[in-house]
């Protein structure tokens, strides 16, 4: 039995406890199981390197040297203001994740390989649902 999302309640929850309500992106058509709704991950990847596109959603060149990469390398606009970090005298919108296995694993305040928080969604429990024990299933498709 697919549960409905509360569509005005999607939030980002950072590890420091701060929250930001964001507009969610929902898909109802062509989903499986039929009648279900999927929520898009609101955190855009930073696509550079061998797995990324030549040009990001905003037309920037994602194949340039690391120090010259810009926010153009994200697939869609991040849901918050990214801020900047200093790296070798340059101000960049992302920083390397501490202890990352790959040197290109980076994150922003709300983009990239985001480890600083959680995505919070609420679902509606039907009022006519019989009492009993249930398991809520969750899946991540990439």
N, C-alpha and C. Protein backbone atom coordinates (compact mmCIF):
# COMPACT_ATOMS: atom_id res chain seq x y z
N UNK A 1 0.84 -1.17 0.00
CA UNK A 1 0.00 0.00 0.00
C UNK A 1 0.89 1.24 0.00
N UNK A 2 1.01 1.94 -1.14
CA UNK A 2 1.82 3.15 -1.18
C UNK A 2 1.24 4.24 -0.28
N UNK A 3 2.10 4.92 0.45
CA UNK A 3 1.70 6.05 1.29
C UNK A 3 1.94 7.34 0.52
N UNK A 4 1.09 8.32 0.78
CA UNK A 4 1.23 9.64 0.13
C UNK A 4 2.19 10.52 0.93
N UNK A 5 3.02 11.28 0.21
CA UNK A 5 3.87 12.27 0.85
C UNK A 5 3.05 13.48 1.27
N UNK A 6 3.45 14.13 2.35
CA UNK A 6 2.93 15.46 2.69
C UNK A 6 3.79 16.41 1.86
N UNK A 7 3.22 16.94 0.80
CA UNK A 7 4.01 17.60 -0.23
C UNK A 7 4.57 18.97 0.14
N UNK A 8 4.14 19.55 1.21
CA UNK A 8 4.72 20.85 1.60
C UNK A 8 5.63 20.72 2.81
N UNK A 9 6.10 19.51 3.09
CA UNK A 9 6.89 19.27 4.30
C UNK A 9 8.31 18.80 4.06
N UNK A 10 8.82 18.74 2.81
CA UNK A 10 10.18 18.27 2.62
C UNK A 10 11.17 19.27 3.23
N UNK A 11 12.17 18.74 3.92
CA UNK A 11 13.16 19.58 4.58
C UNK A 11 14.55 18.98 4.44
N UNK A 12 15.54 19.87 4.58
CA UNK A 12 16.91 19.44 4.78
C UNK A 12 17.19 19.60 6.26
N UNK A 13 17.82 18.61 6.86
CA UNK A 13 18.19 18.64 8.27
C UNK A 13 19.69 18.45 8.35
N UNK A 14 20.42 19.50 8.75
CA UNK A 14 21.87 19.42 8.85
C UNK A 14 22.26 18.77 10.16
N UNK A 15 23.47 18.22 10.20
CA UNK A 15 23.98 17.53 11.38
C UNK A 15 24.05 18.44 12.60
N UNK A 16 24.08 19.77 12.40
CA UNK A 16 24.10 20.69 13.54
C UNK A 16 22.70 20.99 14.07
N UNK A 17 21.66 20.37 13.49
CA UNK A 17 20.28 20.54 13.96
C UNK A 17 19.47 21.57 13.21
N UNK A 18 20.10 22.40 12.36
CA UNK A 18 19.33 23.40 11.62
C UNK A 18 18.55 22.73 10.50
N UNK A 19 17.41 23.33 10.16
CA UNK A 19 16.50 22.79 9.14
C UNK A 19 16.16 23.87 8.12
N UNK A 20 15.84 23.41 6.92
CA UNK A 20 15.38 24.30 5.87
C UNK A 20 14.26 23.60 5.11
N UNK A 21 13.08 24.22 5.07
CA UNK A 21 11.99 23.70 4.25
C UNK A 21 12.30 24.01 2.79
N UNK A 22 12.09 23.02 1.93
CA UNK A 22 12.38 23.19 0.52
C UNK A 22 11.21 22.67 -0.31
N UNK A 23 11.07 23.17 -1.54
CA UNK A 23 10.03 22.62 -2.41
C UNK A 23 10.47 21.26 -2.93
N UNK A 24 9.63 20.27 -2.77
CA UNK A 24 9.95 18.93 -3.25
C UNK A 24 9.59 18.78 -4.72
N UNK A 25 10.15 17.76 -5.35
CA UNK A 25 9.80 17.39 -6.72
C UNK A 25 9.24 15.98 -6.63
N UNK A 26 7.99 15.79 -7.08
CA UNK A 26 7.27 14.53 -6.91
C UNK A 26 6.91 13.96 -8.27
N UNK A 27 6.95 12.65 -8.39
CA UNK A 27 6.58 11.97 -9.63
C UNK A 27 5.49 10.96 -9.30
N UNK A 28 4.33 11.11 -9.98
CA UNK A 28 3.19 10.22 -9.78
C UNK A 28 2.92 9.31 -10.97
N UNK A 29 3.35 9.71 -12.14
CA UNK A 29 3.04 8.96 -13.37
C UNK A 29 4.18 8.04 -13.75
N UNK A 30 3.85 6.81 -14.12
CA UNK A 30 4.85 5.86 -14.57
C UNK A 30 5.67 5.24 -13.44
N UNK A 31 5.19 5.37 -12.22
CA UNK A 31 5.92 4.82 -11.07
C UNK A 31 5.53 3.37 -10.82
N UNK A 32 6.38 2.68 -10.08
CA UNK A 32 6.12 1.30 -9.73
C UNK A 32 6.33 1.15 -8.23
N UNK A 33 5.36 0.68 -7.47
CA UNK A 33 4.08 0.14 -7.91
C UNK A 33 3.13 1.24 -8.40
N UNK A 34 2.18 0.85 -9.22
CA UNK A 34 1.18 1.78 -9.74
C UNK A 34 0.48 2.43 -8.55
N UNK A 35 0.27 3.74 -8.65
CA UNK A 35 -0.38 4.49 -7.57
C UNK A 35 0.59 5.06 -6.55
N UNK A 36 1.87 4.76 -6.73
CA UNK A 36 2.86 5.29 -5.78
C UNK A 36 3.39 6.64 -6.26
N UNK A 37 4.02 7.35 -5.36
CA UNK A 37 4.66 8.63 -5.65
C UNK A 37 6.12 8.51 -5.28
N UNK A 38 6.97 9.03 -6.13
CA UNK A 38 8.40 9.07 -5.85
C UNK A 38 8.81 10.52 -5.59
N UNK A 39 9.73 10.71 -4.69
CA UNK A 39 10.30 12.04 -4.42
C UNK A 39 11.70 12.07 -5.00
N UNK A 40 12.02 13.14 -5.72
CA UNK A 40 13.38 13.28 -6.26
C UNK A 40 14.33 13.67 -5.13
N UNK A 41 15.52 13.12 -5.16
CA UNK A 41 16.57 13.53 -4.24
C UNK A 41 16.85 15.01 -4.51
N UNK A 42 16.68 15.89 -3.51
CA UNK A 42 16.86 17.32 -3.76
C UNK A 42 18.32 17.77 -3.77
N UNK A 43 19.25 16.85 -3.54
CA UNK A 43 20.66 17.21 -3.47
C UNK A 43 21.33 16.89 -4.81
N UNK A 44 21.67 17.91 -5.63
CA UNK A 44 22.29 17.62 -6.92
C UNK A 44 23.74 17.17 -6.75
N UNK A 45 24.13 16.21 -7.59
CA UNK A 45 25.53 15.77 -7.62
C UNK A 45 26.40 16.86 -8.22
N UNK A 46 27.66 16.85 -7.89
CA UNK A 46 28.64 17.70 -8.55
C UNK A 46 29.35 16.77 -9.52
N UNK A 47 29.02 16.88 -10.81
CA UNK A 47 29.46 15.92 -11.81
C UNK A 47 30.70 16.38 -12.55
N UNK A 48 31.84 16.09 -12.00
CA UNK A 48 33.05 16.27 -12.77
C UNK A 48 33.81 14.96 -12.78
N UNK A 49 34.88 14.92 -13.51
CA UNK A 49 35.65 13.68 -13.60
C UNK A 49 35.06 12.76 -14.63
N UNK A 50 35.43 11.49 -14.58
CA UNK A 50 35.04 10.55 -15.63
C UNK A 50 33.55 10.28 -15.66
N UNK A 51 32.85 10.42 -14.54
CA UNK A 51 31.42 10.12 -14.52
C UNK A 51 30.54 11.31 -14.84
N UNK A 52 31.11 12.50 -14.95
CA UNK A 52 30.30 13.70 -15.12
C UNK A 52 30.13 14.13 -16.56
N UNK A 53 29.18 15.02 -16.78
CA UNK A 53 28.93 15.50 -18.13
C UNK A 53 30.02 16.49 -18.56
N UNK A 54 30.17 16.68 -19.85
CA UNK A 54 31.09 17.70 -20.35
C UNK A 54 30.61 19.09 -19.95
N UNK A 55 29.29 19.27 -19.93
CA UNK A 55 28.72 20.56 -19.59
C UNK A 55 27.59 20.34 -18.61
N UNK A 56 27.58 21.12 -17.54
CA UNK A 56 26.55 21.00 -16.51
C UNK A 56 25.24 21.63 -16.94
N UNK A 57 24.27 21.60 -16.05
CA UNK A 57 22.94 22.12 -16.33
C UNK A 57 22.94 23.60 -16.64
N UNK A 58 23.97 24.31 -16.18
CA UNK A 58 24.03 25.76 -16.40
C UNK A 58 25.04 26.13 -17.47
N UNK A 59 25.49 25.16 -18.27
CA UNK A 59 26.33 25.45 -19.41
C UNK A 59 27.81 25.55 -19.12
N UNK A 60 28.26 25.35 -17.91
CA UNK A 60 29.67 25.46 -17.58
C UNK A 60 30.45 24.25 -18.02
N UNK A 61 31.77 24.41 -18.11
CA UNK A 61 32.63 23.31 -18.53
C UNK A 61 33.05 22.53 -17.29
N UNK A 62 32.61 21.30 -17.16
CA UNK A 62 32.91 20.47 -16.00
C UNK A 62 34.17 19.65 -16.20
N UNK A 63 34.82 19.80 -17.33
CA UNK A 63 36.03 19.04 -17.63
C UNK A 63 37.29 19.86 -17.39
N UNK A 64 37.14 21.06 -16.84
CA UNK A 64 38.29 21.94 -16.64
C UNK A 64 39.12 21.50 -15.45
N UNK A 65 40.33 22.06 -15.28
CA UNK A 65 41.13 21.69 -14.11
C UNK A 65 40.37 21.96 -12.82
N UNK A 66 40.66 21.16 -11.80
CA UNK A 66 39.88 21.19 -10.57
C UNK A 66 39.70 22.60 -10.01
N UNK A 67 40.72 23.41 -9.99
CA UNK A 67 40.61 24.75 -9.41
C UNK A 67 39.69 25.68 -10.16
N UNK A 68 39.37 25.35 -11.43
CA UNK A 68 38.53 26.22 -12.25
C UNK A 68 37.08 25.75 -12.35
N UNK A 69 36.75 24.66 -11.70
CA UNK A 69 35.39 24.14 -11.82
C UNK A 69 34.42 25.06 -11.10
N UNK A 70 33.24 25.18 -11.64
CA UNK A 70 32.25 26.10 -11.09
C UNK A 70 30.97 25.36 -10.76
N UNK A 71 30.00 26.08 -10.20
CA UNK A 71 28.71 25.50 -9.85
C UNK A 71 27.95 25.03 -11.08
N UNK A 72 28.47 25.29 -12.27
CA UNK A 72 27.83 24.81 -13.50
C UNK A 72 27.85 23.29 -13.59
N UNK A 73 28.63 22.62 -12.74
CA UNK A 73 28.77 21.17 -12.82
C UNK A 73 27.66 20.42 -12.10
N UNK A 74 26.70 21.11 -11.51
CA UNK A 74 25.59 20.42 -10.86
C UNK A 74 24.49 20.18 -11.88
N UNK A 75 23.71 19.10 -11.67
CA UNK A 75 22.66 18.73 -12.63
C UNK A 75 21.43 19.64 -12.55
N UNK A 76 21.18 20.22 -11.39
CA UNK A 76 20.08 21.16 -11.22
C UNK A 76 20.43 22.09 -10.08
N UNK A 77 19.69 23.16 -9.94
CA UNK A 77 20.01 24.18 -8.93
C UNK A 77 19.85 23.61 -7.52
N UNK A 78 20.87 23.76 -6.67
CA UNK A 78 20.77 23.29 -5.29
C UNK A 78 19.65 24.03 -4.54
N UNK A 79 19.03 23.39 -3.56
CA UNK A 79 17.91 24.01 -2.85
C UNK A 79 18.30 25.03 -1.79
N UNK A 80 19.59 25.32 -1.64
CA UNK A 80 20.01 26.35 -0.69
C UNK A 80 21.19 27.11 -1.28
N UNK A 81 21.54 28.23 -0.65
CA UNK A 81 22.70 28.99 -1.07
C UNK A 81 23.94 28.23 -0.67
N UNK A 82 24.84 28.01 -1.60
CA UNK A 82 25.98 27.13 -1.37
C UNK A 82 27.07 27.70 -0.48
N UNK A 83 27.34 28.97 -0.52
CA UNK A 83 28.47 29.49 0.24
C UNK A 83 29.77 29.15 -0.45
N UNK A 84 30.89 29.55 0.13
CA UNK A 84 32.19 29.30 -0.49
C UNK A 84 33.22 28.92 0.55
N UNK A 85 34.22 28.15 0.11
CA UNK A 85 35.37 27.78 0.92
C UNK A 85 36.61 28.22 0.18
N UNK A 86 37.64 28.59 0.91
CA UNK A 86 38.90 28.97 0.27
C UNK A 86 39.75 27.73 0.03
N UNK A 87 40.29 27.63 -1.19
CA UNK A 87 41.16 26.52 -1.56
C UNK A 87 42.33 27.09 -2.36
N UNK A 88 43.51 27.08 -1.78
CA UNK A 88 44.71 27.58 -2.43
C UNK A 88 44.51 28.99 -2.99
N UNK A 89 43.91 29.85 -2.18
CA UNK A 89 43.72 31.24 -2.57
C UNK A 89 42.51 31.50 -3.44
N UNK A 90 41.79 30.46 -3.85
CA UNK A 90 40.59 30.62 -4.67
C UNK A 90 39.36 30.34 -3.83
N UNK A 91 38.28 31.07 -4.09
CA UNK A 91 37.01 30.81 -3.43
C UNK A 91 36.21 29.86 -4.31
N UNK A 92 35.88 28.68 -3.77
CA UNK A 92 35.14 27.66 -4.51
C UNK A 92 33.83 27.35 -3.78
N UNK A 93 32.79 26.93 -4.54
CA UNK A 93 31.52 26.64 -3.88
C UNK A 93 31.48 25.30 -3.17
N UNK A 94 32.53 24.47 -3.26
CA UNK A 94 32.51 23.16 -2.64
C UNK A 94 33.79 22.94 -1.86
N UNK A 95 33.81 21.94 -1.03
CA UNK A 95 35.03 21.55 -0.32
C UNK A 95 35.17 20.03 -0.38
N UNK A 96 36.40 19.54 -0.23
CA UNK A 96 36.65 18.11 -0.22
C UNK A 96 36.14 17.53 1.08
N UNK A 97 35.53 16.38 1.00
CA UNK A 97 35.03 15.71 2.20
C UNK A 97 36.22 15.16 2.97
N UNK A 98 36.30 15.49 4.26
CA UNK A 98 37.41 15.01 5.09
C UNK A 98 37.45 13.49 5.09
N UNK A 99 38.62 12.94 4.80
CA UNK A 99 38.80 11.49 4.83
C UNK A 99 38.21 10.77 3.64
N UNK A 100 37.83 11.50 2.59
CA UNK A 100 37.21 10.85 1.43
C UNK A 100 38.20 9.90 0.75
N UNK A 101 37.68 8.78 0.29
CA UNK A 101 38.52 7.80 -0.41
C UNK A 101 38.99 8.35 -1.75
N UNK A 102 38.16 9.13 -2.40
CA UNK A 102 38.50 9.72 -3.69
C UNK A 102 38.74 11.21 -3.50
N UNK A 103 39.81 11.77 -4.07
CA UNK A 103 40.07 13.19 -3.89
C UNK A 103 39.02 14.09 -4.53
N UNK A 104 38.22 13.55 -5.47
CA UNK A 104 37.19 14.36 -6.10
C UNK A 104 35.84 14.26 -5.38
N UNK A 105 35.77 13.56 -4.24
CA UNK A 105 34.53 13.53 -3.47
C UNK A 105 34.38 14.87 -2.78
N UNK A 106 33.40 15.64 -3.23
CA UNK A 106 33.20 16.99 -2.70
C UNK A 106 31.75 17.18 -2.31
N UNK A 107 31.52 18.19 -1.49
CA UNK A 107 30.15 18.54 -1.11
C UNK A 107 30.05 20.03 -0.92
N UNK A 108 28.84 20.52 -1.06
CA UNK A 108 28.51 21.90 -0.75
C UNK A 108 27.59 21.89 0.45
N UNK A 109 27.01 23.03 0.76
CA UNK A 109 26.03 23.07 1.85
C UNK A 109 24.84 22.17 1.53
N UNK A 110 24.50 22.06 0.24
CA UNK A 110 23.37 21.20 -0.16
C UNK A 110 23.56 20.69 -1.58
N UNK A 111 24.77 20.18 -1.86
CA UNK A 111 25.05 19.57 -3.16
C UNK A 111 26.22 18.61 -3.00
N UNK A 112 26.44 17.82 -4.05
CA UNK A 112 27.59 16.92 -4.08
C UNK A 112 27.37 15.66 -3.26
N UNK A 113 28.48 15.09 -2.80
CA UNK A 113 28.42 13.89 -1.97
C UNK A 113 28.09 14.33 -0.55
N UNK A 114 26.86 14.73 -0.35
CA UNK A 114 26.40 15.44 0.85
C UNK A 114 26.38 14.53 2.06
N UNK A 115 27.24 14.80 3.03
CA UNK A 115 27.29 14.01 4.25
C UNK A 115 26.94 14.84 5.47
N UNK A 116 26.59 16.11 5.25
CA UNK A 116 26.33 17.02 6.37
C UNK A 116 24.89 17.00 6.86
N UNK A 117 24.04 16.12 6.35
CA UNK A 117 22.67 16.17 6.80
C UNK A 117 21.80 15.04 6.26
N UNK A 118 20.50 15.27 6.42
CA UNK A 118 19.50 14.28 6.02
C UNK A 118 18.38 14.97 5.26
N UNK A 119 17.69 14.21 4.43
CA UNK A 119 16.50 14.68 3.74
C UNK A 119 15.32 14.16 4.55
N UNK A 120 14.41 15.06 4.91
CA UNK A 120 13.27 14.69 5.75
C UNK A 120 11.98 14.81 4.94
N UNK A 121 11.25 13.72 4.85
CA UNK A 121 9.93 13.70 4.23
C UNK A 121 8.92 13.22 5.25
N UNK A 122 7.68 13.64 5.11
CA UNK A 122 6.59 13.12 5.93
C UNK A 122 5.62 12.39 5.02
N UNK A 123 5.00 11.34 5.54
CA UNK A 123 3.99 10.60 4.79
C UNK A 123 2.69 10.61 5.59
N UNK A 124 1.60 10.43 4.86
CA UNK A 124 0.27 10.37 5.48
C UNK A 124 -0.09 8.92 5.78
N UNK A 125 -0.53 8.66 6.98
CA UNK A 125 -1.02 7.33 7.34
C UNK A 125 -2.54 7.38 7.19
N UNK A 126 -3.11 6.51 6.36
CA UNK A 126 -4.57 6.54 6.16
C UNK A 126 -5.32 6.35 7.47
N UNK A 127 -6.38 7.15 7.66
CA UNK A 127 -7.18 7.07 8.89
C UNK A 127 -7.91 5.73 9.00
N UNK A 128 -8.21 5.09 7.86
CA UNK A 128 -8.93 3.83 7.89
C UNK A 128 -8.00 2.61 7.91
N UNK A 129 -6.72 2.80 8.16
CA UNK A 129 -5.78 1.70 8.22
C UNK A 129 -6.05 0.88 9.48
N UNK A 130 -6.29 -0.42 9.32
CA UNK A 130 -6.55 -1.25 10.51
C UNK A 130 -5.33 -1.27 11.44
N UNK A 131 -5.60 -1.36 12.73
CA UNK A 131 -4.51 -1.47 13.70
C UNK A 131 -3.76 -2.75 13.45
N UNK A 132 -2.44 -2.70 13.69
CA UNK A 132 -1.61 -3.89 13.48
C UNK A 132 -0.15 -3.50 13.35
N UNK A 133 0.65 -4.47 13.07
CA UNK A 133 2.08 -4.26 12.88
C UNK A 133 2.35 -4.10 11.39
N UNK A 134 3.13 -3.08 11.04
CA UNK A 134 3.45 -2.80 9.64
C UNK A 134 4.94 -2.53 9.51
N UNK A 135 5.44 -2.70 8.31
CA UNK A 135 6.82 -2.35 7.98
C UNK A 135 6.77 -1.30 6.88
N UNK A 136 7.49 -0.21 7.07
CA UNK A 136 7.57 0.83 6.04
C UNK A 136 8.79 0.54 5.18
N UNK A 137 8.56 0.40 3.88
CA UNK A 137 9.66 0.14 2.94
C UNK A 137 10.14 1.45 2.34
N UNK A 138 11.43 1.51 2.06
CA UNK A 138 12.05 2.68 1.48
C UNK A 138 13.07 2.21 0.48
N UNK A 139 13.20 2.89 -0.63
CA UNK A 139 14.23 2.49 -1.59
C UNK A 139 14.84 3.72 -2.24
N UNK A 140 16.07 3.56 -2.64
CA UNK A 140 16.84 4.62 -3.26
C UNK A 140 17.22 4.15 -4.65
N UNK A 141 16.69 4.85 -5.66
CA UNK A 141 17.05 4.50 -7.04
C UNK A 141 17.97 5.57 -7.55
N UNK A 142 18.96 5.16 -8.28
CA UNK A 142 19.93 6.12 -8.81
C UNK A 142 19.96 6.20 -10.26
